[in-house]
Protein backbone atom coordinates (compact mmCIF):
# COMPACT_ATOMS: atom_id res chain seq x y z
CA UNK A 1 18.39 0.88 28.89
CA UNK A 2 18.16 0.96 32.00
CA UNK A 3 18.96 3.17 33.70
CA UNK A 4 22.01 0.49 35.83
CA UNK A 5 23.59 0.01 32.56
CA UNK A 6 23.42 3.94 31.84
CA UNK A 7 25.59 4.27 34.52
CA UNK A 8 27.80 1.37 34.64
CA UNK A 9 28.59 2.66 31.34
CA UNK A 10 29.65 5.58 31.98
CA UNK A 11 31.85 3.88 35.24
CA UNK A 12 33.12 1.75 32.44
CA UNK A 13 33.85 5.20 30.38
CA UNK A 14 36.13 7.52 33.36
CA UNK A 15 38.35 3.96 34.92
CA UNK A 16 39.17 1.72 31.70
CA UNK A 17 39.06 5.40 29.00
CA UNK A 18 39.30 8.16 30.60
CA UNK A 19 42.20 7.48 32.74
CA UNK A 20 44.35 5.45 30.48
CA UNK A 21 47.51 8.79 31.13
CA UNK A 22 46.56 7.99 34.74
CA UNK A 23 47.44 4.59 34.94
CA UNK A 24 50.39 4.61 32.14
CA UNK A 25 51.70 7.08 35.32
CA UNK A 26 50.95 4.47 38.02
CA UNK A 27 52.10 1.91 36.29
CA UNK A 28 56.04 4.11 35.54
CA UNK A 29 56.41 4.29 39.84
CA UNK A 30 57.31 7.93 39.41
CA UNK A 31 59.33 9.29 43.23
CA UNK A 32 59.06 12.76 42.37
CA UNK A 33 55.34 14.63 42.56
CA UNK A 34 55.56 16.98 39.95
CA UNK A 35 55.97 14.73 37.46
CA UNK A 36 53.39 12.48 39.25
CA UNK A 37 51.14 15.42 39.73
CA UNK A 38 52.28 16.28 35.78
CA UNK A 39 48.70 16.19 34.11
CA UNK A 40 46.43 17.38 37.12
CA UNK A 41 48.91 21.11 37.24
CA UNK A 42 48.16 20.59 33.76
CA UNK A 43 43.79 20.88 33.87
CA UNK A 44 44.07 23.63 36.67
CA UNK A 45 46.42 26.04 34.46
CA UNK A 46 44.18 25.51 31.89
CA UNK A 47 41.23 25.59 33.86
CA UNK A 48 42.21 29.10 35.13
CA UNK A 49 42.90 30.63 31.91
CA UNK A 50 39.90 29.69 31.20
CA UNK A 51 37.39 31.39 33.81
CA UNK A 52 39.88 34.86 33.49
CA UNK A 53 38.98 34.13 29.92
CA UNK A 54 35.82 33.85 31.15
CA UNK A 55 35.14 36.67 33.65
CA UNK A 56 36.40 39.00 31.22
CA UNK A 57 34.26 38.10 28.46
CA UNK A 58 31.05 39.03 31.33
CA UNK A 59 32.26 41.81 32.51
CA UNK A 60 32.41 42.96 28.49
CA UNK A 61 28.97 41.55 28.04
CA UNK A 62 27.46 44.42 30.84
CA UNK A 63 29.43 46.79 30.40
CA UNK A 64 27.41 46.66 27.41
CA UNK A 65 25.29 49.32 26.70
CA UNK A 66 23.71 47.84 23.72
CA UNK A 67 19.74 47.36 23.90
CA UNK A 68 19.53 43.49 22.54
CA UNK A 69 15.41 42.74 22.26
CA UNK A 70 14.70 41.52 19.27
CA UNK A 71 11.04 42.34 19.71
CA UNK A 72 10.13 45.74 18.69
CA UNK A 73 10.16 48.87 21.94
CA UNK A 74 7.53 51.48 21.05
CA UNK A 75 5.10 50.19 19.53
CA UNK A 76 2.81 52.15 16.68
């Protein structure tokens, strides 16, 4: 397998498989801007919620005062 084959496989995945919902919406010829961009809004909301959750977890990790080292800090 060549690098060209790998990139063509990725292109096939995105163009023919992952964009099926967008192709279905395009074939409906929706007049409403909000309805036409429904998937984009859903992905934006999911991404925003995941980002906020990630920031909260990072804040908890930074505020944690426990030592997380696996080696003996004071060898005898």
